Amino acid sequence: MTPTLRLVDDPDTDALLSENPFALLVGMLLDQQVPMEVAFAGPAKILGRFGSLDPATIASADPEEFLADFAQPPAVHRFPKSMAQRVQALAAAVADDWGGDTTTIWTDGAPTGKQILTRLKALPGFGEQKAKIFLALLGKQCGLDAPGWREAAGDYGVEGSHRSIADVVDPESLLAVRAFKKEQKAAAKAAKA
C-alpha cells in the first residue's frame, strides 16, 4: 500500500516521498537545522540533479560530483558537505545491509516496533529522536502495523499529537507542529535561564 503523504505540500515532491521509501528516509535524515518542508524536499532535488535515488548508485557516486549536485543553488541542505556525506553513508548502509531495499528495514522478519527502532538507530545519521520520529511517521502515515510501534516511538507515537513531521498531513498540521516546536524551544530556553 502506497501512502499519500503531504509533508511538503507540493504534489510532485509529496508523490515521490509517498512512492519511494528511500526518498522518505533521506528526507528524515536531512531534517535537522532546516525547516521540515525544506528537508523533505531534498530528495526531489537530489533526484533532479543527480538523476537517481537508487541507494547503490548514490553510495558508489564520486563524492565530489555528488557534493557538486548537492550544493548547487539552492543547496539541498544548508550544510551541503556534511549532509551530502551523510546521504552517501545512508545509501551505502541501505545498499550493503538491506540489499538496496529500504522497506526491509521495517519489514524483514516481521519485526516489532522496538526492533525497527533499533534498526533505524543503526543507520548513519539516525539518533534516538530521529529514529523515533521516523518510526512514528511509518506508523501514523505509511501503514506500518508492527506490534508496539507506538510505544517504541515514545511521545512521537501518541495519536492526535502535533510534535513532528509524523503528524504533518496538511498545511494546518504543519503550522501546529511548528507551534509545538516553538513552545518546546521557549520552554528549554526558560529552563536554562
Protein backbone atom coordinates (compact mmCIF):
# COMPACT_ATOMS: atom_id res chain seq x y z
CA MET A 1 0.00 0.00 0.00
CA THR A 2 1.41 3.36 -1.03
CA PRO A 3 0.68 6.18 1.40
CA THR A 4 -0.47 9.59 0.24
CA LEU A 5 1.84 11.91 2.11
CA ARG A 6 1.51 15.70 2.27
CA LEU A 7 4.73 16.63 4.02
CA VAL A 8 5.93 19.36 1.65
CA ASP A 9 2.59 20.47 0.15
CA ASP A 10 3.99 20.14 -3.36
CA PRO A 11 2.19 17.38 -5.30
CA ASP A 12 5.23 16.08 -7.20
CA THR A 13 7.54 16.07 -4.19
CA ASP A 14 4.90 14.52 -1.94
CA ALA A 15 4.26 11.84 -4.60
CA LEU A 16 7.99 11.00 -4.65
CA LEU A 17 8.05 10.74 -0.84
CA SER A 18 4.91 8.59 -0.92
CA GLU A 19 6.20 6.21 -3.59
CA ASN A 20 9.92 5.98 -2.80
CA PRO A 21 10.83 4.74 0.71
CA PHE A 22 14.48 5.72 0.26
CA ALA A 23 13.40 9.28 -0.60
CA LEU A 24 11.37 9.38 2.60
CA LEU A 25 14.32 8.05 4.63
CA VAL A 26 16.63 10.67 3.09
CA GLY A 27 14.10 13.40 3.88
CA MET A 28 14.17 12.31 7.52
CA LEU A 29 17.96 12.29 7.51
CA LEU A 30 18.01 15.86 6.17
CA ASP A 31 15.50 17.05 8.79
CA GLN A 32 17.83 19.00 11.06
CA GLN A 33 18.65 22.68 11.23
CA VAL A 34 16.36 23.45 8.28
CA PRO A 35 12.56 23.75 8.06
CA MET A 36 10.84 20.35 7.78
CA GLU A 37 9.46 21.00 4.31
CA VAL A 38 12.93 22.03 3.06
CA ALA A 39 14.40 18.79 4.40
CA PHE A 40 11.73 16.62 2.83
CA ALA A 41 12.01 18.49 -0.49
CA GLY A 42 15.69 17.47 -0.55
CA PRO A 43 15.21 14.03 -2.14
CA ALA A 44 13.40 15.58 -5.13
CA LYS A 45 16.32 17.99 -5.59
CA ILE A 46 18.77 15.09 -5.43
CA LEU A 47 16.77 13.14 -8.00
CA GLY A 48 16.50 16.13 -10.30
CA ARG A 49 20.22 16.94 -10.14
CA PHE A 50 21.88 13.57 -9.67
CA GLY A 51 19.34 11.61 -11.72
CA SER A 52 18.82 8.73 -9.30
CA LEU A 53 17.65 7.86 -5.81
CA ASP A 54 18.92 4.30 -6.03
CA PRO A 55 20.92 3.64 -2.85
CA ALA A 56 23.71 1.69 -4.59
CA THR A 57 24.08 4.37 -7.27
CA ILE A 58 24.31 7.15 -4.69
CA ALA A 59 26.67 5.15 -2.48
CA SER A 60 29.07 4.50 -5.35
CA ALA A 61 28.98 8.03 -6.75
CA ASP A 62 32.14 10.12 -6.75
CA PRO A 63 31.84 12.14 -3.51
CA GLU A 64 32.98 15.39 -5.15
CA GLU A 65 30.48 15.05 -8.02
CA PHE A 66 27.68 14.16 -5.63
CA LEU A 67 28.58 17.16 -3.45
CA ALA A 68 28.56 19.43 -6.52
CA ASP A 69 24.98 18.35 -7.31
CA PHE A 70 24.04 18.64 -3.63
CA ALA A 71 25.50 22.13 -3.25
CA GLN A 72 24.09 23.57 -6.48
CA PRO A 73 21.92 26.59 -5.57
CA PRO A 74 19.52 26.29 -3.95
CA ALA A 75 21.51 23.72 -1.98
CA VAL A 76 19.76 20.57 -0.84
CA HIS A 77 20.69 21.48 2.76
CA ARG A 78 22.30 24.47 4.45
CA PHE A 79 25.29 22.25 5.32
CA PRO A 80 25.89 20.68 1.92
CA LYS A 81 29.22 18.96 2.51
CA SER A 82 28.38 17.15 5.74
CA MET A 83 24.85 16.27 4.63
CA ALA A 84 25.96 15.01 1.20
CA GLN A 85 28.39 12.72 3.03
CA ARG A 86 25.61 11.54 5.34
CA VAL A 87 23.28 10.82 2.42
CA GLN A 88 26.00 8.74 0.76
CA ALA A 89 26.68 6.89 4.04
CA LEU A 90 22.95 6.21 4.46
CA ALA A 91 22.73 5.00 0.86
CA ALA A 92 25.69 2.66 1.46
CA ALA A 93 24.03 1.24 4.59
CA VAL A 94 20.76 0.59 2.73
CA ALA A 95 22.62 -0.93 -0.24
CA ASP A 96 25.00 -3.07 1.83
CA ASP A 97 22.94 -4.01 4.88
CA TRP A 98 19.44 -4.13 3.40
CA GLY A 99 20.05 -5.29 -0.17
CA GLY A 100 19.16 -1.87 -1.55
CA ASP A 101 15.52 -2.25 -0.44
CA THR A 102 14.73 0.41 2.16
CA THR A 103 11.45 -1.20 3.21
CA THR A 104 13.23 -4.29 4.52
CA ILE A 105 14.43 -2.14 7.42
CA TRP A 106 10.88 -2.24 8.78
CA THR A 107 9.52 -5.41 7.13
CA ASP A 108 12.25 -8.08 7.09
CA GLY A 109 11.38 -10.82 9.55
CA ALA A 110 8.15 -9.14 10.73
CA PRO A 111 9.95 -7.02 13.34
CA THR A 112 8.35 -5.39 16.36
CA GLY A 113 8.34 -1.63 16.80
CA LYS A 114 11.27 -1.94 19.20
CA GLN A 115 13.26 -3.96 16.65
CA ILE A 116 12.54 -1.42 13.91
CA LEU A 117 13.66 1.38 16.22
CA THR A 118 16.94 -0.48 16.83
CA ARG A 119 17.42 -0.93 13.08
CA LEU A 120 16.73 2.76 12.40
CA LYS A 121 19.14 3.88 15.14
CA ALA A 122 21.86 1.76 13.49
CA LEU A 123 21.59 3.84 10.29
CA PRO A 124 24.15 6.61 9.71
CA GLY A 125 22.75 9.96 10.86
CA PHE A 126 19.86 8.46 12.85
CA GLY A 127 19.98 9.01 16.58
CA GLU A 128 17.30 8.10 19.10
CA GLN A 129 14.98 11.05 18.41
CA LYS A 130 15.22 10.90 14.61
CA ALA A 131 14.62 7.14 14.68
CA LYS A 132 11.55 7.55 16.90
CA ILE A 133 10.13 10.28 14.66
CA PHE A 134 10.63 8.17 11.53
CA LEU A 135 9.05 5.15 13.24
CA ALA A 136 6.06 7.33 14.15
CA LEU A 137 5.86 8.56 10.53
CA LEU A 138 5.80 4.95 9.30
CA GLY A 139 3.10 4.02 11.80
CA LYS A 140 0.91 7.10 11.53
CA GLN A 141 1.05 7.67 7.77
CA CYS A 142 2.61 4.70 5.95
CA GLY A 143 0.53 1.80 7.20
CA LEU A 144 3.15 0.20 9.45
CA ASP A 145 1.36 -2.09 11.88
CA ALA A 146 4.32 -3.66 13.68
CA PRO A 147 3.42 -4.63 17.23
CA GLY A 148 4.46 -1.99 19.74
CA TRP A 149 5.44 0.70 17.26
CA ARG A 150 3.63 3.44 19.20
CA GLU A 151 5.38 2.51 22.43
CA ALA A 152 8.76 2.33 20.67
CA ALA A 153 8.15 5.76 19.09
CA GLY A 154 7.51 7.22 22.54
CA ASP A 155 5.80 10.62 22.62
CA TYR A 156 6.02 10.81 18.81
CA GLY A 157 3.68 7.82 18.55
CA VAL A 158 0.87 9.46 20.55
CA GLU A 159 -2.28 9.65 18.49
CA GLY A 160 -3.54 13.16 17.81
CA SER A 161 -0.28 14.85 18.75
CA HIS A 162 1.45 17.56 16.75
CA ARG A 163 5.10 17.00 17.69
CA SER A 164 6.92 16.17 14.46
CA ILE A 165 6.82 15.55 10.72
CA ALA A 166 4.99 12.31 11.56
CA ASP A 167 1.94 14.47 12.34
CA VAL A 168 2.03 16.66 9.21
CA VAL A 169 -0.88 15.84 6.90
CA ASP A 170 -1.73 19.31 5.55
CA PRO A 171 -0.65 22.96 5.88
CA GLU A 172 -2.63 23.40 9.12
CA SER A 173 -0.97 20.47 10.86
CA LEU A 174 2.43 21.76 9.71
CA LEU A 175 1.66 25.04 11.49
CA ALA A 176 0.55 23.12 14.60
CA VAL A 177 3.83 21.16 14.65
CA ARG A 178 5.79 24.40 14.20
CA ALA A 179 3.92 25.98 17.10
CA PHE A 180 4.67 22.95 19.30
CA LYS A 181 8.37 23.09 18.43
CA LYS A 182 8.46 26.81 19.16
CA GLU A 183 6.87 26.22 22.58
CA GLN A 184 9.42 23.48 23.32
CA LYS A 185 12.34 25.75 22.40
CA ALA A 186 10.96 28.56 24.57
CA ALA A 187 10.47 26.19 27.49
CA ALA A 188 14.01 24.82 27.14
CA LYS A 189 15.41 28.35 26.97
CA ALA A 190 13.43 29.40 30.06
CA ALA A 191 14.66 26.33 31.95
CA LYS A 192 18.28 27.31 31.27
CA ALA A 193 17.78 30.91 32.43
